[in-house]
């Protein structure tokens, strides 16, 4: 990171951003350009979980190249007078895979439901597990940035 004074790589900072972020943007490896999409997500320990349809481009890309990149941002504020934006963000890389184990899939869907206070039944019923795919991203690296206003 160029601005070392804005870097924050503490586990507490990472947890804050993951807890407060509503959306995670994930970039999948494709040619000639990456394929980037926003998702709702859940996090359990060092793994990010998203759900999606049972077939589609992102699943094909994960099978071919499981390496992904992602970012999240919170507390985004635009300061028009100073012509800048303040935010907290986390960027990272990970290894994506499809979750096949029903217990892990249910735990992932429950974590997503809890994060968004969804009104869906928990624990997740088997009928739901059979209708969706769950992708697990094992986090490989994280980098945090805290771009807050300064007292000058």
N, C-alpha and C. Protein backbone atom coordinates (compact mmCIF):
# COMPACT_ATOMS: atom_id res chain seq x y z
N UNK A 1 0.85 -1.18 0.00
CA UNK A 1 0.00 0.00 0.00
C UNK A 1 0.89 1.24 0.00
N UNK A 2 0.59 2.16 -0.88
CA UNK A 2 1.40 3.37 -1.01
C UNK A 2 1.32 4.23 0.25
N UNK A 3 0.14 4.47 0.76
CA UNK A 3 -0.05 5.32 1.94
C UNK A 3 -0.02 4.47 3.20
N UNK A 4 1.16 4.22 3.71
CA UNK A 4 1.32 3.39 4.91
C UNK A 4 0.61 3.98 6.12
N UNK A 5 0.44 5.31 6.13
CA UNK A 5 -0.25 5.94 7.27
C UNK A 5 -1.74 5.60 7.29
N UNK A 6 -2.28 5.07 6.20
CA UNK A 6 -3.69 4.69 6.14
C UNK A 6 -3.90 3.18 6.29
N UNK A 7 -2.82 2.45 6.32
CA UNK A 7 -2.89 1.00 6.41
C UNK A 7 -3.34 0.57 7.80
N UNK A 8 -4.24 -0.41 7.85
CA UNK A 8 -4.65 -0.99 9.13
C UNK A 8 -4.88 -2.48 8.89
N UNK A 9 -3.97 -3.28 9.37
CA UNK A 9 -4.05 -4.72 9.17
C UNK A 9 -4.27 -5.47 10.47
N UNK A 10 -4.92 -4.82 11.41
CA UNK A 10 -5.21 -5.50 12.68
C UNK A 10 -6.40 -6.43 12.51
N UNK A 11 -6.41 -7.56 13.20
CA UNK A 11 -7.57 -8.46 13.15
C UNK A 11 -8.86 -7.76 13.56
N UNK A 12 -8.80 -6.84 14.51
CA UNK A 12 -9.99 -6.11 14.95
C UNK A 12 -10.55 -5.24 13.82
N UNK A 13 -9.67 -4.59 13.06
CA UNK A 13 -10.12 -3.77 11.93
C UNK A 13 -10.79 -4.65 10.87
N UNK A 14 -10.16 -5.77 10.55
CA UNK A 14 -10.74 -6.69 9.57
C UNK A 14 -12.14 -7.13 10.01
N UNK A 15 -12.29 -7.52 11.27
CA UNK A 15 -13.58 -7.97 11.78
C UNK A 15 -14.62 -6.85 11.72
N UNK A 16 -14.22 -5.64 12.06
CA UNK A 16 -15.13 -4.50 12.00
C UNK A 16 -15.68 -4.33 10.59
N UNK A 17 -14.82 -4.34 9.60
CA UNK A 17 -15.25 -4.14 8.21
C UNK A 17 -16.12 -5.30 7.75
N UNK A 18 -15.72 -6.53 8.04
CA UNK A 18 -16.54 -7.68 7.65
C UNK A 18 -17.90 -7.64 8.33
N UNK A 19 -17.95 -7.26 9.59
CA UNK A 19 -19.21 -7.21 10.33
C UNK A 19 -20.16 -6.15 9.79
N UNK A 20 -19.63 -4.97 9.46
CA UNK A 20 -20.49 -3.85 9.06
C UNK A 20 -20.80 -3.81 7.56
N UNK A 21 -19.99 -4.45 6.73
CA UNK A 21 -20.18 -4.37 5.27
C UNK A 21 -21.46 -5.10 4.86
N UNK A 22 -22.23 -4.47 4.00
CA UNK A 22 -23.45 -5.09 3.49
C UNK A 22 -23.18 -5.93 2.24
N UNK A 23 -22.15 -5.58 1.50
CA UNK A 23 -21.87 -6.22 0.21
C UNK A 23 -20.38 -6.54 0.12
N UNK A 24 -20.07 -7.67 -0.48
CA UNK A 24 -18.69 -8.00 -0.84
C UNK A 24 -18.64 -8.10 -2.36
N UNK A 25 -17.64 -7.50 -2.96
CA UNK A 25 -17.42 -7.59 -4.40
C UNK A 25 -16.35 -8.64 -4.64
N UNK A 26 -16.66 -9.60 -5.49
CA UNK A 26 -15.73 -10.70 -5.76
C UNK A 26 -15.39 -10.71 -7.24
N UNK A 27 -14.09 -10.78 -7.52
CA UNK A 27 -13.61 -10.85 -8.90
C UNK A 27 -13.14 -12.27 -9.19
N UNK A 28 -13.72 -12.83 -10.24
CA UNK A 28 -13.38 -14.18 -10.68
C UNK A 28 -12.45 -14.06 -11.89
N UNK A 29 -11.57 -15.03 -12.05
CA UNK A 29 -10.61 -15.01 -13.14
C UNK A 29 -11.29 -15.44 -14.44
N UNK A 30 -11.23 -14.55 -15.42
CA UNK A 30 -11.81 -14.82 -16.73
C UNK A 30 -10.94 -14.13 -17.77
N UNK A 31 -11.15 -14.43 -19.01
CA UNK A 31 -10.40 -13.81 -20.09
C UNK A 31 -11.36 -13.12 -21.05
N UNK A 32 -11.06 -11.97 -21.59
CA UNK A 32 -9.83 -11.21 -21.39
C UNK A 32 -9.86 -10.31 -20.15
N UNK A 33 -10.99 -10.28 -19.43
CA UNK A 33 -11.11 -9.40 -18.26
C UNK A 33 -11.65 -10.18 -17.07
N UNK A 34 -11.33 -9.75 -15.85
CA UNK A 34 -11.96 -10.37 -14.68
C UNK A 34 -13.47 -10.17 -14.71
N UNK A 35 -14.16 -11.03 -14.02
CA UNK A 35 -15.62 -10.99 -13.91
C UNK A 35 -15.93 -10.68 -12.44
N UNK A 36 -16.46 -9.50 -12.17
CA UNK A 36 -16.64 -9.02 -10.80
C UNK A 36 -18.12 -8.83 -10.51
N UNK A 37 -18.57 -9.36 -9.35
CA UNK A 37 -19.97 -9.29 -8.96
C UNK A 37 -20.11 -8.94 -7.49
N UNK A 38 -21.19 -8.26 -7.11
CA UNK A 38 -21.47 -8.00 -5.69
C UNK A 38 -22.32 -9.13 -5.09
N UNK A 39 -22.09 -9.42 -3.81
CA UNK A 39 -22.83 -10.50 -3.15
C UNK A 39 -23.16 -10.12 -1.71
N UNK A 40 -24.27 -10.69 -1.20
CA UNK A 40 -24.46 -10.81 0.23
C UNK A 40 -23.51 -11.92 0.68
N UNK A 41 -23.13 -11.92 1.93
CA UNK A 41 -22.15 -12.92 2.35
C UNK A 41 -22.26 -13.19 3.84
N UNK A 42 -21.64 -14.27 4.23
CA UNK A 42 -21.45 -14.59 5.63
C UNK A 42 -19.99 -14.96 5.82
N UNK A 43 -19.51 -14.82 7.04
CA UNK A 43 -18.11 -15.16 7.33
C UNK A 43 -18.09 -16.04 8.57
N UNK A 44 -17.40 -17.14 8.46
CA UNK A 44 -17.18 -18.04 9.58
C UNK A 44 -15.68 -18.28 9.65
N UNK A 45 -15.09 -17.83 10.76
CA UNK A 45 -13.64 -17.92 10.95
C UNK A 45 -12.93 -17.29 9.76
N UNK A 46 -12.09 -18.04 9.07
CA UNK A 46 -11.30 -17.47 7.97
C UNK A 46 -11.88 -17.83 6.60
N UNK A 47 -13.21 -17.95 6.58
CA UNK A 47 -13.89 -18.32 5.33
C UNK A 47 -15.07 -17.40 5.07
N UNK A 48 -15.23 -17.02 3.82
CA UNK A 48 -16.35 -16.22 3.35
C UNK A 48 -17.29 -17.16 2.60
N UNK A 49 -18.58 -17.00 2.83
CA UNK A 49 -19.57 -17.83 2.14
C UNK A 49 -20.56 -16.94 1.37
N UNK A 50 -20.87 -17.35 0.16
CA UNK A 50 -21.91 -16.71 -0.63
C UNK A 50 -22.81 -17.81 -1.18
N UNK A 51 -24.03 -17.44 -1.55
CA UNK A 51 -24.92 -18.41 -2.18
C UNK A 51 -25.29 -17.91 -3.57
N UNK A 52 -25.64 -18.86 -4.43
CA UNK A 52 -25.97 -18.51 -5.81
C UNK A 52 -26.79 -19.64 -6.42
N UNK A 53 -27.12 -19.46 -7.69
CA UNK A 53 -27.86 -20.48 -8.43
C UNK A 53 -27.00 -21.74 -8.59
N UNK A 54 -27.62 -22.81 -8.98
CA UNK A 54 -26.93 -24.10 -9.12
C UNK A 54 -26.06 -24.18 -10.37
N UNK A 55 -26.21 -23.22 -11.28
CA UNK A 55 -25.35 -23.21 -12.47
C UNK A 55 -25.14 -21.76 -12.88
N UNK A 56 -24.09 -21.53 -13.66
CA UNK A 56 -23.84 -20.18 -14.13
C UNK A 56 -22.37 -19.92 -14.36
N UNK A 57 -22.10 -18.75 -14.87
CA UNK A 57 -20.74 -18.35 -15.26
C UNK A 57 -19.76 -18.41 -14.09
N UNK A 58 -20.15 -17.86 -12.92
CA UNK A 58 -19.20 -17.83 -11.80
C UNK A 58 -18.80 -19.23 -11.36
N UNK A 59 -19.75 -20.18 -11.39
CA UNK A 59 -19.42 -21.56 -11.01
C UNK A 59 -18.45 -22.18 -12.02
N UNK A 60 -18.68 -21.91 -13.30
CA UNK A 60 -17.77 -22.40 -14.34
C UNK A 60 -16.37 -21.83 -14.14
N UNK A 61 -16.31 -20.53 -13.80
CA UNK A 61 -15.01 -19.89 -13.60
C UNK A 61 -14.29 -20.44 -12.39
N UNK A 62 -15.02 -20.69 -11.31
CA UNK A 62 -14.39 -21.26 -10.10
C UNK A 62 -13.82 -22.64 -10.40
N UNK A 63 -14.54 -23.43 -11.15
CA UNK A 63 -14.05 -24.78 -11.48
C UNK A 63 -12.76 -24.71 -12.31
N UNK A 64 -12.66 -23.71 -13.18
CA UNK A 64 -11.47 -23.57 -14.03
C UNK A 64 -10.32 -22.90 -13.29
N UNK A 65 -10.62 -21.88 -12.49
CA UNK A 65 -9.60 -21.10 -11.79
C UNK A 65 -10.18 -20.66 -10.45
N UNK A 66 -9.90 -21.37 -9.38
CA UNK A 66 -10.52 -21.06 -8.09
C UNK A 66 -9.97 -19.81 -7.39
N UNK A 67 -8.96 -19.18 -7.94
CA UNK A 67 -8.38 -17.99 -7.31
C UNK A 67 -9.30 -16.80 -7.52
N UNK A 68 -9.63 -16.09 -6.43
CA UNK A 68 -10.50 -14.91 -6.51
C UNK A 68 -9.86 -13.76 -5.73
N UNK A 69 -10.35 -12.57 -6.01
CA UNK A 69 -10.00 -11.38 -5.24
C UNK A 69 -11.33 -10.75 -4.79
N UNK A 70 -11.28 -10.01 -3.68
CA UNK A 70 -12.51 -9.42 -3.16
C UNK A 70 -12.21 -8.12 -2.44
N UNK A 71 -13.25 -7.30 -2.27
CA UNK A 71 -13.13 -6.09 -1.46
C UNK A 71 -14.47 -5.76 -0.82
N UNK A 72 -14.36 -5.05 0.31
CA UNK A 72 -15.51 -4.58 1.08
C UNK A 72 -15.19 -3.17 1.54
N UNK A 73 -16.21 -2.34 1.69
CA UNK A 73 -15.99 -0.98 2.19
C UNK A 73 -17.16 -0.58 3.08
N UNK A 74 -16.84 0.20 4.11
CA UNK A 74 -17.86 0.71 5.03
C UNK A 74 -17.58 2.18 5.32
N UNK A 75 -18.53 2.82 5.96
CA UNK A 75 -18.39 4.22 6.40
C UNK A 75 -17.93 5.14 5.27
N UNK A 76 -18.54 5.00 4.13
CA UNK A 76 -18.15 5.79 2.95
C UNK A 76 -18.80 7.16 3.04
N UNK A 77 -17.95 8.19 3.03
CA UNK A 77 -18.44 9.57 3.10
C UNK A 77 -17.66 10.42 2.10
N UNK A 78 -18.38 11.16 1.30
CA UNK A 78 -17.75 12.06 0.33
C UNK A 78 -17.68 13.45 0.93
N UNK A 79 -16.49 14.04 0.93
CA UNK A 79 -16.29 15.40 1.40
C UNK A 79 -16.09 16.28 0.17
N UNK A 80 -17.14 17.00 -0.20
CA UNK A 80 -17.09 17.82 -1.42
C UNK A 80 -16.14 18.99 -1.28
N UNK A 81 -16.04 19.55 -0.09
CA UNK A 81 -15.15 20.70 0.11
C UNK A 81 -13.69 20.31 -0.04
N UNK A 82 -13.33 19.14 0.44
CA UNK A 82 -11.93 18.69 0.36
C UNK A 82 -11.68 17.81 -0.85
N UNK A 83 -12.74 17.56 -1.63
CA UNK A 83 -12.61 16.78 -2.85
C UNK A 83 -11.96 15.42 -2.58
N UNK A 84 -12.54 14.70 -1.59
CA UNK A 84 -12.00 13.40 -1.22
C UNK A 84 -13.12 12.51 -0.69
N UNK A 85 -12.80 11.28 -0.50
CA UNK A 85 -13.74 10.30 0.05
C UNK A 85 -13.09 9.62 1.25
N UNK A 86 -13.86 9.48 2.32
CA UNK A 86 -13.41 8.78 3.52
C UNK A 86 -14.08 7.41 3.56
N UNK A 87 -13.36 6.41 4.04
CA UNK A 87 -13.90 5.06 4.09
C UNK A 87 -12.97 4.15 4.89
N UNK A 88 -13.48 2.98 5.19
CA UNK A 88 -12.69 1.87 5.71
C UNK A 88 -12.89 0.73 4.72
N UNK A 89 -11.81 0.06 4.35
CA UNK A 89 -11.96 -1.01 3.38
C UNK A 89 -11.01 -2.17 3.67
N UNK A 90 -11.38 -3.31 3.14
CA UNK A 90 -10.54 -4.50 3.19
C UNK A 90 -10.52 -5.10 1.80
N UNK A 91 -9.33 -5.42 1.33
CA UNK A 91 -9.14 -6.14 0.07
C UNK A 91 -8.47 -7.46 0.40
N UNK A 92 -8.74 -8.47 -0.41
CA UNK A 92 -8.11 -9.75 -0.13
C UNK A 92 -8.12 -10.68 -1.32
N UNK A 93 -7.50 -11.82 -1.10
CA UNK A 93 -7.49 -12.89 -2.08
C UNK A 93 -7.93 -14.17 -1.39
N UNK A 94 -8.40 -15.11 -2.19
CA UNK A 94 -8.85 -16.37 -1.62
C UNK A 94 -8.95 -17.46 -2.65
N UNK A 95 -9.21 -18.65 -2.13
CA UNK A 95 -9.39 -19.84 -2.93
C UNK A 95 -10.85 -20.25 -2.82
N UNK A 96 -11.57 -20.21 -3.94
CA UNK A 96 -13.01 -20.51 -3.95
C UNK A 96 -13.26 -21.98 -4.27
N UNK A 97 -14.30 -22.51 -3.63
CA UNK A 97 -14.72 -23.88 -3.91
C UNK A 97 -16.21 -24.01 -3.62
N UNK A 98 -16.83 -25.00 -4.23
CA UNK A 98 -18.24 -25.29 -3.96
C UNK A 98 -18.34 -26.12 -2.68
N UNK A 99 -19.30 -25.77 -1.85
CA UNK A 99 -19.54 -26.51 -0.62
C UNK A 99 -20.47 -27.67 -0.94
N UNK A 100 -20.02 -28.86 -0.66
CA UNK A 100 -20.82 -30.06 -0.91
C UNK A 100 -21.41 -30.64 0.38
N UNK A 101 -20.70 -30.47 1.49
CA UNK A 101 -21.14 -31.03 2.76
C UNK A 101 -22.41 -30.33 3.24
N UNK A 102 -23.51 -31.08 3.45
CA UNK A 102 -24.77 -30.44 3.85
C UNK A 102 -24.68 -29.66 5.16
N UNK A 103 -23.93 -30.14 6.12
CA UNK A 103 -23.81 -29.43 7.41
C UNK A 103 -23.09 -28.10 7.23
N UNK A 104 -22.02 -28.08 6.45
CA UNK A 104 -21.29 -26.83 6.20
C UNK A 104 -22.15 -25.87 5.37
N UNK A 105 -22.88 -26.41 4.41
CA UNK A 105 -23.75 -25.59 3.57
C UNK A 105 -24.84 -24.94 4.43
N UNK A 106 -25.44 -25.70 5.33
CA UNK A 106 -26.47 -25.16 6.22
C UNK A 106 -25.89 -24.09 7.14
N UNK A 107 -24.71 -24.35 7.70
CA UNK A 107 -24.07 -23.36 8.58
C UNK A 107 -23.77 -22.08 7.82
N UNK A 108 -23.34 -22.20 6.57
CA UNK A 108 -23.05 -21.02 5.75
C UNK A 108 -24.31 -20.22 5.48
N UNK A 109 -25.39 -20.89 5.09
CA UNK A 109 -26.65 -20.18 4.82
C UNK A 109 -27.20 -19.55 6.10
N UNK A 110 -27.04 -20.23 7.22
CA UNK A 110 -27.48 -19.66 8.50
C UNK A 110 -26.67 -18.42 8.85
N UNK A 111 -25.36 -18.45 8.58
CA UNK A 111 -24.51 -17.28 8.86
C UNK A 111 -24.92 -16.09 8.00
N UNK A 112 -25.24 -16.36 6.74
CA UNK A 112 -25.70 -15.29 5.85
C UNK A 112 -27.03 -14.74 6.36
N UNK A 113 -27.95 -15.62 6.70
CA UNK A 113 -29.25 -15.19 7.22
C UNK A 113 -29.13 -14.37 8.48
N UNK A 114 -28.24 -14.77 9.38
CA UNK A 114 -28.04 -14.03 10.63
C UNK A 114 -27.44 -12.65 10.36
N UNK A 115 -26.49 -12.58 9.46
CA UNK A 115 -25.85 -11.29 9.16
C UNK A 115 -26.87 -10.25 8.70
N UNK A 116 -27.83 -10.68 7.89
CA UNK A 116 -28.80 -9.75 7.32
C UNK A 116 -30.15 -9.78 8.04
N UNK A 117 -30.21 -10.47 9.17
CA UNK A 117 -31.45 -10.59 9.94
C UNK A 117 -32.61 -11.04 9.03
N UNK A 118 -32.30 -12.00 8.17
CA UNK A 118 -33.29 -12.52 7.23
C UNK A 118 -34.40 -13.26 7.98
N UNK A 119 -35.58 -13.24 7.41
CA UNK A 119 -36.72 -13.90 8.03
C UNK A 119 -36.86 -15.36 7.58
N UNK A 120 -35.85 -15.87 6.91
CA UNK A 120 -35.90 -17.26 6.46
C UNK A 120 -35.71 -18.20 7.66
N UNK A 121 -36.20 -19.43 7.54
CA UNK A 121 -36.08 -20.36 8.67
C UNK A 121 -34.63 -20.76 8.93
N UNK A 122 -34.32 -20.87 10.23
CA UNK A 122 -33.01 -21.36 10.64
C UNK A 122 -33.23 -22.37 11.75
N UNK A 123 -32.58 -23.48 11.71
CA UNK A 123 -31.57 -23.86 10.73
C UNK A 123 -32.17 -24.05 9.33
N UNK A 124 -31.30 -23.87 8.34
CA UNK A 124 -31.75 -23.96 6.95
C UNK A 124 -32.30 -25.34 6.65
N UNK A 125 -33.51 -25.41 6.09
CA UNK A 125 -34.10 -26.72 5.77
C UNK A 125 -33.42 -27.38 4.57
N UNK A 126 -33.49 -28.70 4.53
CA UNK A 126 -32.88 -29.47 3.45
C UNK A 126 -33.42 -29.04 2.08
N UNK A 127 -34.69 -28.64 2.02
CA UNK A 127 -35.27 -28.21 0.74
C UNK A 127 -34.52 -26.99 0.19
N UNK A 128 -34.07 -26.10 1.07
CA UNK A 128 -33.29 -24.94 0.63
C UNK A 128 -31.90 -25.37 0.19
N UNK A 129 -31.28 -26.26 0.94
CA UNK A 129 -29.92 -26.72 0.60
C UNK A 129 -29.89 -27.32 -0.80
N UNK A 130 -30.97 -27.97 -1.19
CA UNK A 130 -31.01 -28.60 -2.51
C UNK A 130 -31.26 -27.62 -3.65
N UNK A 131 -31.73 -26.40 -3.32
CA UNK A 131 -32.07 -25.42 -4.36
C UNK A 131 -30.97 -24.44 -4.69
N UNK A 132 -29.95 -24.32 -3.84
CA UNK A 132 -28.91 -23.31 -4.04
C UNK A 132 -27.52 -23.93 -3.99
N UNK A 133 -26.58 -23.21 -4.58
CA UNK A 133 -25.16 -23.55 -4.41
C UNK A 133 -24.59 -22.61 -3.37
N UNK A 134 -23.62 -23.08 -2.65
CA UNK A 134 -22.88 -22.26 -1.70
C UNK A 134 -21.42 -22.32 -2.08
N UNK A 135 -20.82 -21.15 -2.17
CA UNK A 135 -19.40 -21.03 -2.49
C UNK A 135 -18.66 -20.62 -1.23
N UNK A 136 -17.57 -21.31 -0.97
CA UNK A 136 -16.69 -20.99 0.16
C UNK A 136 -15.43 -20.36 -0.39
N UNK A 137 -15.01 -19.26 0.21
CA UNK A 137 -13.74 -18.65 -0.15
C UNK A 137 -12.84 -18.72 1.08
N UNK A 138 -11.81 -19.55 0.98
CA UNK A 138 -10.81 -19.64 2.04
C UNK A 138 -9.89 -18.43 1.87
N UNK A 139 -9.87 -17.55 2.86
CA UNK A 139 -9.10 -16.31 2.76
C UNK A 139 -7.61 -16.62 2.80
N UNK A 140 -6.88 -16.09 1.82
CA UNK A 140 -5.43 -16.27 1.74
C UNK A 140 -4.68 -15.02 2.18
N UNK A 141 -5.23 -13.83 1.85
CA UNK A 141 -4.55 -12.59 2.24
C UNK A 141 -5.59 -11.50 2.47
N UNK A 142 -5.24 -10.56 3.36
CA UNK A 142 -6.09 -9.40 3.63
C UNK A 142 -5.23 -8.16 3.75
N UNK A 143 -5.79 -7.04 3.33
CA UNK A 143 -5.13 -5.74 3.46
C UNK A 143 -6.20 -4.72 3.80
N UNK A 144 -5.96 -3.93 4.85
CA UNK A 144 -6.96 -2.96 5.29
C UNK A 144 -6.51 -1.53 5.10
N UNK A 145 -7.48 -0.66 4.82
CA UNK A 145 -7.20 0.76 4.66
C UNK A 145 -8.24 1.55 5.44
N UNK A 146 -7.75 2.48 6.26
CA UNK A 146 -8.62 3.34 7.06
C UNK A 146 -8.36 4.77 6.61
N UNK A 147 -9.22 5.26 5.74
CA UNK A 147 -9.07 6.60 5.19
C UNK A 147 -10.07 7.51 5.89
N UNK A 148 -9.68 8.04 7.02
CA UNK A 148 -10.53 8.90 7.85
C UNK A 148 -10.03 10.34 7.80
N UNK A 149 -10.91 11.30 8.11
CA UNK A 149 -10.46 12.70 8.12
C UNK A 149 -9.36 12.93 9.16
N UNK A 150 -8.46 13.83 8.85
CA UNK A 150 -7.35 14.14 9.76
C UNK A 150 -7.58 15.46 10.45
N UNK A 151 -7.05 15.54 11.63
CA UNK A 151 -7.04 16.80 12.38
C UNK A 151 -5.78 17.56 11.98
N UNK A 152 -5.90 18.56 11.13
CA UNK A 152 -4.69 19.31 10.69
C UNK A 152 -4.54 20.62 11.44
